[in-house]
Each structure stands twice: as C-alpha cells, then as structure tokens.
Amino acid sequence: MESGAGKHWTEEEVKALLSVWSEKNIRKQLHGTLRNKGIFIYIAKRLQELGVCRDWKQCRAKYKNLKYEYRTVKYAHNSGDATKTMKFFHDLDAILRYEPVTQLAAEENGR
C-alpha cells in the first residue's frame, strides 16, 4: 500500500475526513484532548473503509492545517474582513463553531 506521503489531499479525501470528523463521538474525543494519536489511528482506519489511504500522522496534520486555516478565516471575518475565505469553511464552521477559542488556541500552541 502506498502511504501517500507528500501527496496532496484531493477534494474527495478532505470531504471524507470532514465526514468522519463531524461524527459526534469523534468531535467529543478530539475536544479537550491533546494526546490524540489513538483517535487519529481510528480516523485513518475509518478513512481506509471509505477508500482513503492515509496514515494517522497525515490525518492529524490535515486536521491541524484545516483547523488553523479555519481559525485564520474566522478571525478575519470577526475583524470585519469578509473577503478572506477557504474551501470547506462552512463544513468546518458546522464542526468547530462551538469549540471554545481557548481550546483552539491551546491546540495551536501545541502544533
């Protein structure tokens, strides 16, 4: 099996990741936990079932990157700059809008 290391995520792969990430039990496990290797191993396994071949490290990196980009756009919008945007913003907003900003900042500092 090819690991996909260094391979860009396709739109379909990101949609699959967002689908798994949006599951209530996954959101609950990710919320408030910084030691989350086990969660990402599970996410990678679920993605494998959906035909997406990514390892847990790639899933975690994509999760962190999407979350960082989301926070950047959200901050810009809250500061009055509605021109800044990103693909999947509305999907991420549905997943992340209820997470406390302090939690997002804590995870970003551990990046």
PDB file of N, CA and C in Angstrom:
ATOM      1  N   MET A   1       0.841  -1.192   0.000  1.00  0.00           N
ATOM      2  CA  MET A   1       0.000   0.000   0.000  1.00  0.00           C
ATOM      3  C   MET A   1       0.878   1.244   0.000  1.00  0.00           C
ATOM      4  N   GLU A   2       0.578   2.161  -0.857  1.00  0.00           N
ATOM      5  CA  GLU A   2       1.309   3.422  -0.933  1.00  0.00           C
ATOM      6  C   GLU A   2       0.856   4.308   0.220  1.00  0.00           C
ATOM      7  N   SER A   3       1.800   4.933   0.906  1.00  0.00           N
ATOM      8  CA  SER A   3       1.458   5.727   2.083  1.00  0.00           C
ATOM      9  C   SER A   3       0.816   7.051   1.728  1.00  0.00           C
ATOM     10  N   GLY A   4       1.095   7.577   0.561  1.00  0.00           N
ATOM     11  CA  GLY A   4       0.537   8.871   0.184  1.00  0.00           C
ATOM     12  C   GLY A   4       1.310  10.035   0.773  1.00  0.00           C
ATOM     13  N   ALA A   5       2.471   9.749   1.376  1.00  0.00           N
ATOM     14  CA  ALA A   5       3.266  10.813   1.974  1.00  0.00           C
ATOM     15  C   ALA A   5       3.650  11.826   0.912  1.00  0.00           C
ATOM     16  N   GLY A   6       3.443  13.089   1.219  1.00  0.00           N
ATOM     17  CA  GLY A   6       3.777  14.154   0.292  1.00  0.00           C
ATOM     18  C   GLY A   6       2.745  14.362  -0.791  1.00  0.00           C
ATOM     19  N   LYS A   7       1.706  13.564  -0.785  1.00  0.00           N
ATOM     20  CA  LYS A   7       0.653  13.655  -1.794  1.00  0.00           C
ATOM     21  C   LYS A   7      -0.429  14.612  -1.290  1.00  0.00           C
ATOM     22  N   HIS A   8      -0.825  15.535  -2.158  1.00  0.00           N
ATOM     23  CA  HIS A   8      -1.875  16.478  -1.772  1.00  0.00           C
ATOM     24  C   HIS A   8      -3.191  15.746  -1.561  1.00  0.00           C
ATOM     25  N   TRP A   9      -3.975  16.251  -0.628  1.00  0.00           N
ATOM     26  CA  TRP A   9      -5.291  15.675  -0.376  1.00  0.00           C
ATOM     27  C   TRP A   9      -6.240  16.115  -1.487  1.00  0.00           C
ATOM     28  N   THR A  10      -6.981  15.171  -2.036  1.00  0.00           N
ATOM     29  CA  THR A  10      -7.987  15.512  -3.036  1.00  0.00           C
ATOM     30  C   THR A  10      -9.229  16.050  -2.327  1.00  0.00           C
ATOM     31  N   GLU A  11     -10.087  16.681  -3.094  1.00  0.00           N
ATOM     32  CA  GLU A  11     -11.335  17.193  -2.532  1.00  0.00           C
ATOM     33  C   GLU A  11     -12.150  16.058  -1.911  1.00  0.00           C
ATOM     34  N   GLU A  12     -12.176  14.914  -2.563  1.00  0.00           N
ATOM     35  CA  GLU A  12     -12.926  13.762  -2.052  1.00  0.00           C
ATOM     36  C   GLU A  12     -12.340  13.261  -0.735  1.00  0.00           C
ATOM     37  N   GLU A  13     -11.005  13.271  -0.629  1.00  0.00           N
ATOM     38  CA  GLU A  13     -10.362  12.830   0.612  1.00  0.00           C
ATOM     39  C   GLU A  13     -10.683  13.783   1.757  1.00  0.00           C
ATOM     40  N   VAL A  14     -10.656  15.078   1.479  1.00  0.00           N
ATOM     41  CA  VAL A  14     -10.979  16.062   2.517  1.00  0.00           C
ATOM     42  C   VAL A  14     -12.436  15.911   2.941  1.00  0.00           C
ATOM     43  N   LYS A  15     -13.323  15.714   1.985  1.00  0.00           N
ATOM     44  CA  LYS A  15     -14.740  15.516   2.317  1.00  0.00           C
ATOM     45  C   LYS A  15     -14.926  14.285   3.201  1.00  0.00           C
ATOM     46  N   ALA A  16     -14.198  13.219   2.904  1.00  0.00           N
ATOM     47  CA  ALA A  16     -14.273  12.006   3.725  1.00  0.00           C
ATOM     48  C   ALA A  16     -13.761  12.289   5.136  1.00  0.00           C
ATOM     49  N   LEU A  17     -12.643  13.013   5.238  1.00  0.00           N
ATOM     50  CA  LEU A  17     -12.105  13.372   6.550  1.00  0.00           C
ATOM     51  C   LEU A  17     -13.116  14.206   7.330  1.00  0.00           C
ATOM     52  N   LEU A  18     -13.713  15.196   6.677  1.00  0.00           N
ATOM     53  CA  LEU A  18     -14.702  16.039   7.348  1.00  0.00           C
ATOM     54  C   LEU A  18     -15.919  15.227   7.783  1.00  0.00           C
ATOM     55  N   SER A  19     -16.296  14.260   6.985  1.00  0.00           N
ATOM     56  CA  SER A  19     -17.429  13.402   7.322  1.00  0.00           C
ATOM     57  C   SER A  19     -17.152  12.614   8.602  1.00  0.00           C
ATOM     58  N   VAL A  20     -15.970  12.024   8.685  1.00  0.00           N
ATOM     59  CA  VAL A  20     -15.596  11.264   9.883  1.00  0.00           C
ATOM     60  C   VAL A  20     -15.442  12.211  11.068  1.00  0.00           C
ATOM     61  N   TRP A  21     -14.774  13.346  10.849  1.00  0.00           N
ATOM     62  CA  TRP A  21     -14.526  14.331  11.894  1.00  0.00           C
ATOM     63  C   TRP A  21     -15.841  14.869  12.455  1.00  0.00           C
ATOM     64  N   SER A  22     -16.863  14.968  11.644  1.00  0.00           N
ATOM     65  CA  SER A  22     -18.128  15.546  12.094  1.00  0.00           C
ATOM     66  C   SER A  22     -18.950  14.594  12.957  1.00  0.00           C
ATOM     67  N   GLU A  23     -18.550  13.326  13.023  1.00  0.00           N
ATOM     68  CA  GLU A  23     -19.272  12.375  13.864  1.00  0.00           C
ATOM     69  C   GLU A  23     -19.145  12.797  15.324  1.00  0.00           C
ATOM     70  N   LYS A  24     -20.264  12.734  16.016  1.00  0.00           N
ATOM     71  CA  LYS A  24     -20.325  13.240  17.390  1.00  0.00           C
ATOM     72  C   LYS A  24     -19.263  12.612  18.295  1.00  0.00           C
ATOM     73  N   ASN A  25     -19.083  11.292  18.203  1.00  0.00           N
ATOM     74  CA  ASN A  25     -18.106  10.637  19.081  1.00  0.00           C
ATOM     75  C   ASN A  25     -16.674  11.082  18.775  1.00  0.00           C
ATOM     76  N   ILE A  26     -16.371  11.348  17.510  1.00  0.00           N
ATOM     77  CA  ILE A  26     -15.032  11.826  17.135  1.00  0.00           C
ATOM     78  C   ILE A  26     -14.826  13.246  17.654  1.00  0.00           C
ATOM     79  N   ARG A  27     -15.808  14.122  17.414  1.00  0.00           N
ATOM     80  CA  ARG A  27     -15.705  15.510  17.902  1.00  0.00           C
ATOM     81  C   ARG A  27     -15.503  15.523  19.409  1.00  0.00           C
ATOM     82  N   LYS A  28     -16.246  14.684  20.104  1.00  0.00           N
ATOM     83  CA  LYS A  28     -16.157  14.637  21.566  1.00  0.00           C
ATOM     84  C   LYS A  28     -14.762  14.195  22.009  1.00  0.00           C
ATOM     85  N   GLN A  29     -14.206  13.193  21.335  1.00  0.00           N
ATOM     86  CA  GLN A  29     -12.868  12.710  21.696  1.00  0.00           C
ATOM     87  C   GLN A  29     -11.789  13.740  21.382  1.00  0.00           C
ATOM     88  N   LEU A  30     -11.937  14.450  20.272  1.00  0.00           N
ATOM     89  CA  LEU A  30     -10.935  15.445  19.894  1.00  0.00           C
ATOM     90  C   LEU A  30     -11.010  16.683  20.774  1.00  0.00           C
ATOM     91  N   HIS A  31     -12.202  16.990  21.263  1.00  0.00           N
ATOM     92  CA  HIS A  31     -12.392  18.175  22.095  1.00  0.00           C
ATOM     93  C   HIS A  31     -11.719  17.962  23.450  1.00  0.00           C
ATOM     94  N   GLY A  32     -10.796  18.833  23.766  1.00  0.00           N
ATOM     95  CA  GLY A  32     -10.185  18.818  25.086  1.00  0.00           C
ATOM     96  C   GLY A  32      -9.072  17.802  25.264  1.00  0.00           C
ATOM     97  N   THR A  33      -8.606  17.212  24.200  1.00  0.00           N
ATOM     98  CA  THR A  33      -7.526  16.243  24.324  1.00  0.00           C
ATOM     99  C   THR A  33      -6.384  16.628  23.396  1.00  0.00           C
ATOM    100  N   LEU A  34      -5.185  16.653  23.926  1.00  0.00           N
ATOM    101  CA  LEU A  34      -4.024  16.981  23.102  1.00  0.00           C
ATOM    102  C   LEU A  34      -3.246  15.724  22.720  1.00  0.00           C
ATOM    103  N   ARG A  35      -3.331  14.702  23.543  1.00  0.00           N
ATOM    104  CA  ARG A  35      -2.685  13.421  23.226  1.00  0.00           C
ATOM    105  C   ARG A  35      -3.719  12.573  22.502  1.00  0.00           C
ATOM    106  N   ASN A  36      -3.685  12.668  21.179  1.00  0.00           N
ATOM    107  CA  ASN A  36      -4.793  12.120  20.413  1.00  0.00           C
ATOM    108  C   ASN A  36      -4.371  11.136  19.321  1.00  0.00           C
ATOM    109  N   LYS A  37      -3.218  10.527  19.471  1.00  0.00           N
ATOM    110  CA  LYS A  37      -2.743   9.576  18.459  1.00  0.00           C
ATOM    111  C   LYS A  37      -3.771   8.470  18.215  1.00  0.00           C
ATOM    112  N   GLY A  38      -4.324   7.923  19.284  1.00  0.00           N
ATOM    113  CA  GLY A  38      -5.299   6.844  19.162  1.00  0.00           C
ATOM    114  C   GLY A  38      -6.528   7.247  18.369  1.00  0.00           C
ATOM    115  N   ILE A  39      -6.966   8.470  18.552  1.00  0.00           N
ATOM    116  CA  ILE A  39      -8.127   8.975  17.817  1.00  0.00           C
ATOM    117  C   ILE A  39      -7.804   9.037  16.324  1.00  0.00           C
ATOM    118  N   PHE A  40      -6.612   9.508  16.002  1.00  0.00           N
ATOM    119  CA  PHE A  40      -6.238   9.629  14.593  1.00  0.00           C
ATOM    120  C   PHE A  40      -5.950   8.273  13.948  1.00  0.00           C
ATOM    121  N   ILE A  41      -5.518   7.301  14.733  1.00  0.00           N
ATOM    122  CA  ILE A  41      -5.396   5.937  14.208  1.00  0.00           C
ATOM    123  C   ILE A  41      -6.788   5.441  13.821  1.00  0.00           C
ATOM    124  N   TYR A  42      -7.761   5.704  14.683  1.00  0.00           N
ATOM    125  CA  TYR A  42      -9.147   5.313  14.396  1.00  0.00           C
ATOM    126  C   TYR A  42      -9.679   6.053  13.161  1.00  0.00           C
ATOM    127  N   ILE A  43      -9.410   7.362  13.071  1.00  0.00           N
ATOM    128  CA  ILE A  43      -9.863   8.153  11.917  1.00  0.00           C
ATOM    129  C   ILE A  43      -9.253   7.598  10.626  1.00  0.00           C
ATOM    130  N   ALA A  44      -7.961   7.277  10.654  1.00  0.00           N
ATOM    131  CA  ALA A  44      -7.296   6.718   9.467  1.00  0.00           C
ATOM    132  C   ALA A  44      -7.943   5.388   9.069  1.00  0.00           C
ATOM    133  N   LYS A  45      -8.300   4.581  10.071  1.00  0.00           N
ATOM    134  CA  LYS A  45      -8.967   3.303   9.795  1.00  0.00           C
ATOM    135  C   LYS A  45     -10.330   3.540   9.147  1.00  0.00           C
ATOM    136  N   ARG A  46     -11.084   4.493   9.664  1.00  0.00           N
ATOM    137  CA  ARG A  46     -12.403   4.827   9.096  1.00  0.00           C
ATOM    138  C   ARG A  46     -12.257   5.344   7.666  1.00  0.00           C
ATOM    139  N   LEU A  47     -11.234   6.166   7.432  1.00  0.00           N
ATOM    140  CA  LEU A  47     -10.998   6.667   6.077  1.00  0.00           C
ATOM    141  C   LEU A  47     -10.638   5.518   5.136  1.00  0.00           C
ATOM    142  N   GLN A  48      -9.857   4.566   5.643  1.00  0.00           N
ATOM    143  CA  GLN A  48      -9.494   3.390   4.839  1.00  0.00           C
ATOM    144  C   GLN A  48     -10.761   2.672   4.383  1.00  0.00           C
ATOM    145  N   GLU A  49     -11.743   2.556   5.275  1.00  0.00           N
ATOM    146  CA  GLU A  49     -13.025   1.924   4.938  1.00  0.00           C
ATOM    147  C   GLU A  49     -13.760   2.696   3.841  1.00  0.00           C
ATOM    148  N   LEU A  50     -13.485   4.001   3.756  1.00  0.00           N
ATOM    149  CA  LEU A  50     -14.112   4.854   2.743  1.00  0.00           C
ATOM    150  C   LEU A  50     -13.258   4.960   1.476  1.00  0.00           C
ATOM    151  N   GLY A  51     -12.145   4.215   1.449  1.00  0.00           N
ATOM    152  CA  GLY A  51     -11.295   4.200   0.265  1.00  0.00           C
ATOM    153  C   GLY A  51     -10.206   5.254   0.250  1.00  0.00           C
ATOM    154  N   VAL A  52      -9.956   5.885   1.396  1.00  0.00           N
ATOM    155  CA  VAL A  52      -8.920   6.921   1.501  1.00  0.00           C
ATOM    156  C   VAL A  52      -7.730   6.326   2.246  1.00  0.00           C
ATOM    157  N   CYS A  53      -6.601   6.222   1.575  1.00  0.00           N
ATOM    158  CA  CYS A  53      -5.401   5.615   2.160  1.00  0.00           C
ATOM    159  C   CYS A  53      -4.479   6.698   2.722  1.00  0.00           C
ATOM    160  N   ARG A  54      -4.694   7.027   3.961  1.00  0.00           N
ATOM    161  CA  ARG A  54      -3.856   7.992   4.684  1.00  0.00           C
ATOM    162  C   ARG A  54      -3.534   7.412   6.049  1.00  0.00           C
ATOM    163  N   ASP A  55      -2.303   7.657   6.524  1.00  0.00           N
ATOM    164  CA  ASP A  55      -1.966   7.166   7.858  1.00  0.00           C
ATOM    165  C   ASP A  55      -2.389   8.192   8.914  1.00  0.00           C
ATOM    166  N   TRP A  56      -2.251   7.808  10.168  1.00  0.00           N
ATOM    167  CA  TRP A  56      -2.743   8.665  11.249  1.00  0.00           C
ATOM    168  C   TRP A  56      -2.006   9.999  11.297  1.00  0.00           C
ATOM    169  N   LYS A  57      -0.721  10.014  10.970  1.00  0.00           N
ATOM    170  CA  LYS A  57       0.046  11.267  11.002  1.00  0.00           C
ATOM    171  C   LYS A  57      -0.454  12.237   9.933  1.00  0.00           C
ATOM    172  N   GLN A  58      -0.770  11.705   8.756  1.00  0.00           N
ATOM    173  CA  GLN A  58      -1.298  12.550   7.683  1.00  0.00           C
ATOM    174  C   GLN A  58      -2.670  13.102   8.069  1.00  0.00           C
ATOM    175  N   CYS A  59      -3.486  12.264   8.697  1.00  0.00           N
ATOM    176  CA  CYS A  59      -4.815  12.719   9.137  1.00  0.00           C
ATOM    177  C   CYS A  59      -4.685  13.821  10.180  1.00  0.00           C
ATOM    178  N   ARG A  60      -3.769  13.623  11.124  1.00  0.00           N
ATOM    179  CA  ARG A  60      -3.575  14.626  12.169  1.00  0.00           C
ATOM    180  C   ARG A  60      -3.049  15.932  11.587  1.00  0.00           C
ATOM    181  N   ALA A  61      -2.101  15.838  10.660  1.00  0.00           N
ATOM    182  CA  ALA A  61      -1.553  17.047  10.035  1.00  0.00           C
ATOM    183  C   ALA A  61      -2.635  17.792   9.256  1.00  0.00           C
ATOM    184  N   LYS A  62      -3.464  17.057   8.524  1.00  0.00           N
ATOM    185  CA  LYS A  62      -4.531  17.703   7.748  1.00  0.00           C
ATOM    186  C   LYS A  62      -5.546  18.338   8.684  1.00  0.00           C
ATOM    187  N   TYR A  63      -5.888  17.647   9.758  1.00  0.00           N
ATOM    188  CA  TYR A  63      -6.795  18.176  10.783  1.00  0.00           C
ATOM    189  C   TYR A  63      -6.258  19.503  11.328  1.00  0.00           C
ATOM    190  N   LYS A  64      -4.998  19.512  11.709  1.00  0.00           N
ATOM    191  CA  LYS A  64      -4.397  20.728  12.269  1.00  0.00           C
ATOM    192  C   LYS A  64      -4.353  21.856  11.241  1.00  0.00           C
ATOM    193  N   ASN A  65      -3.990  21.529  10.005  1.00  0.00           N
ATOM    194  CA  ASN A  65      -3.920  22.552   8.960  1.00  0.00           C
ATOM    195  C   ASN A  65      -5.291  23.142   8.649  1.00  0.00           C
ATOM    196  N   LEU A  66      -6.296  22.279   8.536  1.00  0.00           N
ATOM    197  CA  LEU A  66      -7.654  22.771   8.276  1.00  0.00           C
ATOM    198  C   LEU A  66      -8.146  23.639   9.425  1.00  0.00           C
ATOM    199  N   LYS A  67      -7.860  23.208  10.640  1.00  0.00           N
ATOM    200  CA  LYS A  67      -8.297  23.951  11.823  1.00  0.00           C
ATOM    201  C   LYS A  67      -7.602  25.314  11.886  1.00  0.00           C
ATOM    202  N   TYR A  68      -6.308  25.344  11.581  1.00  0.00           N
ATOM    203  CA  TYR A  68      -5.560  26.600  11.576  1.00  0.00           C
ATOM    204  C   TYR A  68      -6.109  27.558  10.518  1.00  0.00           C
ATOM    205  N   GLU A  69      -6.339  27.030   9.316  1.00  0.00           N
ATOM    206  CA  GLU A  69      -6.865  27.867   8.238  1.00  0.00           C
ATOM    207  C   GLU A  69      -8.267  28.376   8.588  1.00  0.00           C
ATOM    208  N   TYR A  70      -9.077  27.522   9.165  1.00  0.00           N
ATOM    209  CA  TYR A  70     -10.420  27.915   9.598  1.00  0.00           C
ATOM    210  C   TYR A  70     -10.336  29.060  10.614  1.00  0.00           C
ATOM    211  N   ARG A  71      -9.478  28.912  11.603  1.00  0.00           N
ATOM    212  CA  ARG A  71      -9.333  29.954  12.630  1.00  0.00           C
ATOM    213  C   ARG A  71      -8.891  31.276  12.020  1.00  0.00           C
ATOM    214  N   THR A  72      -7.972  31.223  11.046  1.00  0.00           N
ATOM    215  CA  THR A  72      -7.489  32.428  10.378  1.00  0.00           C
ATOM    216  C   THR A  72      -8.631  33.142   9.661  1.00  0.00           C
ATOM    217  N   VAL A  73      -9.438  32.381   8.931  1.00  0.00           N
ATOM    218  CA  VAL A  73     -10.571  32.961   8.200  1.00  0.00           C
ATOM    219  C   VAL A  73     -11.622  33.470   9.180  1.00  0.00           C
ATOM    220  N   LYS A  74     -11.912  32.707  10.210  1.00  0.00           N
ATOM    221  CA  LYS A  74     -12.918  33.096  11.208  1.00  0.00           C
ATOM    222  C   LYS A  74     -12.493  34.399  11.895  1.00  0.00           C
ATOM    223  N   TYR A  75     -11.220  34.503  12.255  1.00  0.00           N
ATOM    224  CA  TYR A  75     -10.705  35.716  12.886  1.00  0.00           C
ATOM    225  C   TYR A  75     -10.851  36.904  11.941  1.00  0.00           C
ATOM    226  N   ALA A  76     -10.532  36.705  10.667  1.00  0.00           N
ATOM    227  CA  ALA A  76     -10.659  37.782   9.676  1.00  0.00           C
ATOM    228  C   ALA A  76     -12.113  38.228   9.564  1.00  0.00           C
ATOM    229  N   HIS A  77     -13.023  37.280   9.530  1.00  0.00           N
ATOM    230  CA  HIS A  77     -14.455  37.619   9.443  1.00  0.00           C
ATOM    231  C   HIS A  77     -14.897  38.398  10.680  1.00  0.00           C
ATOM    232  N   ASN A  78     -14.446  37.959  11.850  1.00  0.00           N
ATOM    233  CA  ASN A  78     -14.810  38.651  13.092  1.00  0.00           C
ATOM    234  C   ASN A  78     -14.192  40.039  13.174  1.00  0.00           C
ATOM    235  N   SER A  79     -13.115  40.263  12.415  1.00  0.00           N
ATOM    236  CA  SER A  79     -12.455  41.567  12.379  1.00  0.00           C
ATOM    237  C   SER A  79     -12.986  42.449  11.253  1.00  0.00           C
ATOM    238  N   GLY A  80     -14.003  41.965  10.552  1.00  0.00           N
ATOM    239  CA  GLY A  80     -14.622  42.766   9.501  1.00  0.00           C
ATOM    240  C   GLY A  80     -14.122  42.496   8.097  1.00  0.00           C
ATOM    241  N   ASP A  81     -13.205  41.550   7.937  1.00  0.00           N
ATOM    242  CA  ASP A  81     -12.688  41.226   6.605  1.00  0.00           C
ATOM    243  C   ASP A  81     -13.412  39.993   6.070  1.00  0.00           C
ATOM    244  N   ALA A  82     -14.517  40.232   5.388  1.00  0.00           N
ATOM    245  CA  ALA A  82     -15.322  39.127   4.858  1.00  0.00           C
ATOM    246  C   ALA A  82     -14.770  38.598   3.538  1.00  0.00           C
ATOM    247  N   THR A  83     -13.680  39.202   3.038  1.00  0.00           N
ATOM    248  CA  THR A  83     -13.129  38.762   1.751  1.00  0.00           C
ATOM    249  C   THR A  83     -12.292  37.490   1.903  1.00  0.00           C
ATOM    250  N   LYS A  84     -11.752  37.256   3.095  1.00  0.00           N
ATOM    251  CA  LYS A  84     -10.925  36.067   3.312  1.00  0.00           C
ATOM    252  C   LYS A  84     -11.830  34.839   3.362  1.00  0.00           C
ATOM    253  N   THR A  85     -11.445  33.819   2.637  1.00  0.00           N
ATOM    254  CA  THR A  85     -12.268  32.614   2.588  1.00  0.00           C
ATOM    255  C   THR A  85     -11.395  31.382   2.413  1.00  0.00           C
ATOM    256  N   MET A  86     -12.015  30.235   2.494  1.00  0.00           N
ATOM    257  CA  MET A  86     -11.329  28.965   2.276  1.00  0.00           C
ATOM    258  C   MET A  86     -12.355  27.930   1.833  1.00  0.00           C
ATOM    259  N   LYS A  87     -11.880  26.937   1.132  1.00  0.00           N
ATOM    260  CA  LYS A  87     -12.744  25.829   0.749  1.00  0.00           C
ATOM    261  C   LYS A  87     -13.130  25.074   2.024  1.00  0.00           C
ATOM    262  N   PHE A  88     -14.334  24.609   2.094  1.00  0.00           N
ATOM    263  CA  PHE A  88     -14.859  23.830   3.217  1.00  0.00           C
ATOM    264  C   PHE A  88     -15.093  24.659   4.481  1.00  0.00           C
ATOM    265  N   PHE A  89     -15.074  26.007   4.362  1.00  0.00           N
ATOM    266  CA  PHE A  89     -15.271  26.838   5.547  1.00  0.00           C
ATOM    267  C   PHE A  89     -16.585  26.509   6.250  1.00  0.00           C
ATOM    268  N   HIS A  90     -17.659  26.396   5.500  1.00  0.00           N
ATOM    269  CA  HIS A  90     -18.969  26.162   6.115  1.00  0.00           C
ATOM    270  C   HIS A  90     -19.041  24.786   6.777  1.00  0.00           C
ATOM    271  N   ASP A  91     -18.393  23.800   6.178  1.00  0.00           N
ATOM    272  CA  ASP A  91     -18.340  22.467   6.792  1.00  0.00           C
ATOM    273  C   ASP A  91     -17.572  22.525   8.114  1.00  0.00           C
ATOM    274  N   LEU A  92     -16.436  23.198   8.093  1.00  0.00           N
ATOM    275  CA  LEU A  92     -15.623  23.328   9.301  1.00  0.00           C
ATOM    276  C   LEU A  92     -16.337  24.154  10.358  1.00  0.00           C
ATOM    277  N   ASP A  93     -17.039  25.190   9.929  1.00  0.00           N
ATOM    278  CA  ASP A  93     -17.771  26.021  10.875  1.00  0.00           C
ATOM    279  C   ASP A  93     -18.833  25.196  11.597  1.00  0.00           C
ATOM    280  N   ALA A  94     -19.493  24.315  10.875  1.00  0.00           N
ATOM    281  CA  ALA A  94     -20.500  23.451  11.489  1.00  0.00           C
ATOM    282  C   ALA A  94     -19.870  22.524  12.530  1.00  0.00           C
ATOM    283  N   ILE A  95     -18.634  22.114  12.294  1.00  0.00           N
ATOM    284  CA  ILE A  95     -17.936  21.213  13.219  1.00  0.00           C
ATOM    285  C   ILE A  95     -17.331  21.980  14.390  1.00  0.00           C
ATOM    286  N   LEU A  96     -16.725  23.138  14.113  1.00  0.00           N
ATOM    287  CA  LEU A  96     -15.896  23.832  15.106  1.00  0.00           C
ATOM    288  C   LEU A  96     -16.544  25.020  15.802  1.00  0.00           C
ATOM    289  N   ARG A  97     -17.660  25.497  15.338  1.00  0.00           N
ATOM    290  CA  ARG A  97     -18.188  26.764  15.865  1.00  0.00           C
ATOM    291  C   ARG A  97     -18.439  26.757  17.362  1.00  0.00           C
ATOM    292  N   TYR A  98     -18.666  25.591  17.946  1.00  0.00           N
ATOM    293  CA  TYR A  98     -18.971  25.542  19.375  1.00  0.00           C
ATOM    294  C   TYR A  98     -17.753  25.258  20.243  1.00  0.00           C
ATOM    295  N   GLU A  99     -16.597  25.065  19.611  1.00  0.00           N
ATOM    296  CA  GLU A  99     -15.389  24.855  20.404  1.00  0.00           C
ATOM    297  C   GLU A  99     -14.934  26.181  20.987  1.00  0.00           C
ATOM    298  N   PRO A 100     -14.615  26.200  22.272  1.00  0.00           N
ATOM    299  CA  PRO A 100     -14.134  27.443  22.870  1.00  0.00           C
ATOM    300  C   PRO A 100     -12.837  27.906  22.207  1.00  0.00           C
ATOM    301  N   VAL A 101     -12.696  29.202  22.063  1.00  0.00           N
ATOM    302  CA  VAL A 101     -11.495  29.771  21.443  1.00  0.00           C
ATOM    303  C   VAL A 101     -10.255  29.364  22.226  1.00  0.00           C
ATOM    304  N   THR A 102     -10.361  29.267  23.552  1.00  0.00           N
ATOM    305  CA  THR A 102      -9.208  28.876  24.362  1.00  0.00           C
ATOM    306  C   THR A 102      -8.732  27.479  23.995  1.00  0.00           C
ATOM    307  N   GLN A 103      -9.670  26.577  23.674  1.00  0.00           N
ATOM    308  CA  GLN A 103      -9.282  25.224  23.264  1.00  0.00           C
ATOM    309  C   GLN A 103      -8.546  25.274  21.932  1.00  0.00           C
ATOM    310  N   LEU A 104      -9.056  26.058  20.993  1.00  0.00           N
ATOM    311  CA  LEU A 104      -8.406  26.185  19.689  1.00  0.00           C
ATOM    312  C   LEU A 104      -7.004  26.755  19.854  1.00  0.00           C
ATOM    313  N   ALA A 105      -6.857  27.755  20.714  1.00  0.00           N
ATOM    314  CA  ALA A 105      -5.554  28.379  20.935  1.00  0.00           C
ATOM    315  C   ALA A 105      -4.590  27.394  21.592  1.00  0.00           C
ATOM    316  N   ALA A 106      -5.074  26.618  22.548  1.00  0.00           N
ATOM    317  CA  ALA A 106      -4.219  25.637  23.225  1.00  0.00           C
ATOM    318  C   ALA A 106      -3.705  24.601  22.239  1.00  0.00           C
ATOM    319  N   GLU A 107      -4.572  24.142  21.350  1.00  0.00           N
ATOM    320  CA  GLU A 107      -4.148  23.161  20.359  1.00  0.00           C
ATOM    321  C   GLU A 107      -3.159  23.776  19.383  1.00  0.00           C
ATOM    322  N   GLU A 108      -3.367  25.035  19.032  1.00  0.00           N
ATOM    323  CA  GLU A 108      -2.468  25.705  18.097  1.00  0.00           C
ATOM    324  C   GLU A 108      -1.080  25.843  18.717  1.00  0.00           C
ATOM    325  N   ASN A 109      -1.014  26.133  20.018  1.00  0.00           N
ATOM    326  CA  ASN A 109       0.274  26.276  20.679  1.00  0.00           C
ATOM    327  C   ASN A 109       1.023  24.951  20.744  1.00  0.00           C
ATOM    328  N   GLY A 110       0.300  23.846  20.738  1.00  0.00           N
ATOM    329  CA  GLY A 110       0.918  22.529  20.764  1.00  0.00           C
ATOM    330  C   GLY A 110       1.278  22.017  19.393  1.00  0.00           C
ATOM    331  N   ARG A 111       1.074  22.818  18.388  1.00  0.00           N
ATOM    332  CA  ARG A 111       1.293  22.454  16.991  1.00  0.00           C
ATOM    333  C   ARG A 111       2.711  22.166  16.658  1.00  0.00           C
TER     334      ARG A 111
END
